[in-house]
Amino acid sequence: MWQIWLIIAGVCLIGEIMTNGFLIFWLSIGALLSMIVSFFTDNIIIQTAVFVISSAILIFATKPFVKKFAKTKDVKTNAFSIIGQNGIVTKDIDSINSKGQVKIDGETWSAVGKNDMDIPKGTEIEVVEIKGVKAIVKPVNK
């Protein structure tokens, strides 16, 4: 039976590597503890109880500790990564007709002026937010 607990521990460790949380690791430790218990008893109920109880204790005992030291930083991805960046208007922004384009980091985006503001071509802008597929922009005050 110890082989099965070793396989479970290995699968949990592989799962931990594939995720960014710190949860499955404790299941693998629980499986290793159950593997040790399997050397002393063949009772699957005891082994399973050791797995469940030790995993739960490890998860709940270490969660505050992990949160304290593993400060995660929210990384903006996809369209939201351009919020706060500056760009340049490449086609006049006409908020009435909802037309206009800006170039930000080499990418062309459809844009609308903040508060329905019209912005002429060549103006430096800052992205304020993203609504759907359009960047909401405002002119940069220098």
Protein backbone atom coordinates (compact mmCIF):
# COMPACT_ATOMS: atom_id res chain seq x y z
CA MET A 1 0.00 0.00 0.00
CA TRP A 2 2.93 2.35 0.56
CA GLN A 3 3.48 2.52 -3.19
CA ILE A 4 0.02 4.00 -3.72
CA TRP A 5 0.67 6.72 -1.10
CA LEU A 6 4.00 7.48 -2.78
CA ILE A 7 2.26 7.82 -6.15
CA ILE A 8 -0.38 10.11 -4.62
CA ALA A 9 2.37 12.24 -3.09
CA GLY A 10 4.14 12.45 -6.46
CA VAL A 11 0.96 13.41 -8.31
CA CYS A 12 0.25 16.10 -5.70
CA LEU A 13 3.77 17.50 -6.04
CA ILE A 14 3.42 17.62 -9.82
CA GLY A 15 0.06 19.35 -9.39
CA GLU A 16 1.69 21.86 -7.04
CA ILE A 17 4.33 22.66 -9.63
CA MET A 18 1.60 23.30 -12.21
CA THR A 19 -0.36 25.70 -9.98
CA ASN A 20 0.62 28.94 -8.28
CA GLY A 21 -1.14 28.32 -4.99
CA PHE A 22 0.48 26.63 -2.02
CA LEU A 23 -2.20 24.08 -1.20
CA ILE A 24 -1.56 20.81 -2.98
CA PHE A 25 1.91 20.60 -1.42
CA TRP A 26 0.35 19.85 1.96
CA LEU A 27 -1.68 17.01 0.44
CA SER A 28 1.57 15.45 -0.76
CA ILE A 29 3.03 15.73 2.75
CA GLY A 30 -0.12 14.11 4.12
CA ALA A 31 0.29 11.29 1.59
CA LEU A 32 3.91 10.81 2.68
CA LEU A 33 2.81 10.62 6.32
CA SER A 34 0.20 8.03 5.33
CA MET A 35 2.92 6.10 3.52
CA ILE A 36 4.94 5.98 6.75
CA VAL A 37 1.86 4.80 8.66
CA SER A 38 1.32 2.08 6.03
CA PHE A 39 4.59 0.47 7.16
CA PHE A 40 3.03 -0.11 10.59
CA THR A 41 -0.56 -1.01 9.71
CA ASP A 42 -2.43 -2.37 6.71
CA ASN A 43 -5.70 -0.74 7.78
CA ILE A 44 -6.71 1.58 4.94
CA ILE A 45 -9.11 3.50 7.18
CA ILE A 46 -6.30 4.49 9.55
CA GLN A 47 -4.05 5.44 6.64
CA THR A 48 -6.78 7.53 5.04
CA ALA A 49 -7.58 9.18 8.38
CA VAL A 50 -3.91 10.10 8.81
CA PHE A 51 -3.91 11.55 5.27
CA VAL A 52 -7.05 13.65 5.78
CA ILE A 53 -6.23 14.85 9.30
CA SER A 54 -2.56 15.66 8.66
CA SER A 55 -3.35 17.45 5.39
CA ALA A 56 -6.09 19.52 7.05
CA ILE A 57 -3.86 20.43 10.00
CA LEU A 58 -0.99 21.41 7.70
CA ILE A 59 -3.25 23.50 5.46
CA PHE A 60 -4.97 25.38 8.26
CA ALA A 61 -1.85 25.78 10.42
CA THR A 62 0.36 27.15 7.68
CA LYS A 63 -2.10 29.24 5.64
CA PRO A 64 -1.64 32.43 7.73
CA PHE A 65 2.13 31.91 7.73
CA VAL A 66 2.24 31.49 3.96
CA LYS A 67 0.01 34.55 3.41
CA LYS A 68 2.29 36.64 5.59
CA PHE A 69 5.48 35.82 3.69
CA ALA A 70 4.19 35.09 0.20
CA LYS A 71 3.05 38.55 -0.76
CA THR A 72 1.39 38.15 -4.10
CA LYS A 73 1.34 41.04 -6.47
CA ASP A 74 -1.56 41.38 -8.86
CA VAL A 75 -0.17 41.37 -12.35
CA LYS A 76 -2.27 43.17 -14.91
CA THR A 77 -2.59 41.15 -18.07
CA ASN A 78 -4.08 41.43 -21.51
CA ALA A 79 -5.99 44.63 -22.19
CA PHE A 80 -5.81 45.84 -18.59
CA SER A 81 -2.02 46.03 -18.80
CA ILE A 82 -2.24 49.28 -20.80
CA ILE A 83 -4.19 51.20 -18.15
CA GLY A 84 -2.04 54.09 -16.98
CA GLN A 85 0.26 53.96 -20.01
CA ASN A 86 0.82 56.81 -22.39
CA GLY A 87 0.35 56.69 -26.14
CA ILE A 88 -0.35 58.90 -29.11
CA VAL A 89 -3.54 59.53 -31.07
CA THR A 90 -3.17 58.16 -34.62
CA LYS A 91 -6.72 58.94 -35.82
CA ASP A 92 -8.79 61.80 -34.44
CA ILE A 93 -10.91 60.71 -31.50
CA ASP A 94 -14.52 61.63 -32.21
CA SER A 95 -16.57 60.58 -29.21
CA ILE A 96 -19.91 61.39 -30.85
CA ASN A 97 -19.32 58.86 -33.62
CA SER A 98 -17.24 56.65 -31.33
CA LYS A 99 -14.27 56.71 -33.70
CA GLY A 100 -10.59 57.14 -33.08
CA GLN A 101 -7.38 55.20 -32.63
CA VAL A 102 -4.35 55.42 -30.42
CA LYS A 103 -0.99 53.69 -30.48
CA ILE A 104 0.30 52.32 -27.17
CA ASP A 105 3.49 50.26 -26.98
CA GLY A 106 3.36 49.65 -30.72
CA GLU A 107 -0.22 48.36 -30.60
CA THR A 108 -3.15 50.15 -32.19
CA TRP A 109 -6.28 50.47 -30.06
CA SER A 110 -9.74 51.84 -30.75
CA ALA A 111 -10.23 54.73 -28.39
CA VAL A 112 -12.85 57.06 -26.94
CA GLY A 113 -12.14 60.27 -25.06
CA LYS A 114 -12.94 60.36 -21.36
CA ASN A 115 -16.18 62.29 -20.69
CA ASP A 116 -16.92 62.25 -24.44
CA MET A 117 -13.90 64.48 -25.14
CA ASP A 118 -12.69 64.90 -28.72
CA ILE A 119 -8.90 64.60 -29.07
CA PRO A 120 -7.01 65.55 -32.24
CA LYS A 121 -4.45 63.37 -34.01
CA GLY A 122 -0.90 63.64 -32.63
CA THR A 123 -1.97 64.37 -29.05
CA GLU A 124 -0.21 62.42 -26.31
CA ILE A 125 -2.76 60.54 -24.22
CA GLU A 126 -2.99 58.39 -21.11
CA VAL A 127 -5.22 55.30 -20.89
CA VAL A 128 -7.70 55.71 -18.05
CA GLU A 129 -9.71 52.51 -18.39
CA ILE A 130 -10.85 49.80 -20.78
CA LYS A 131 -14.50 49.36 -21.74
CA GLY A 132 -15.14 46.41 -23.99
CA VAL A 133 -12.61 46.68 -26.81
CA LYS A 134 -12.05 50.43 -26.52
CA ALA A 135 -9.49 52.33 -24.52
CA ILE A 136 -10.88 55.29 -22.61
CA VAL A 137 -8.20 58.00 -22.84
CA LYS A 138 -7.48 61.55 -21.75
CA PRO A 139 -4.85 64.00 -22.96
CA VAL A 140 -1.62 64.13 -20.96
CA ASN A 141 -1.13 67.48 -19.25
CA LYS A 142 2.46 68.59 -19.52
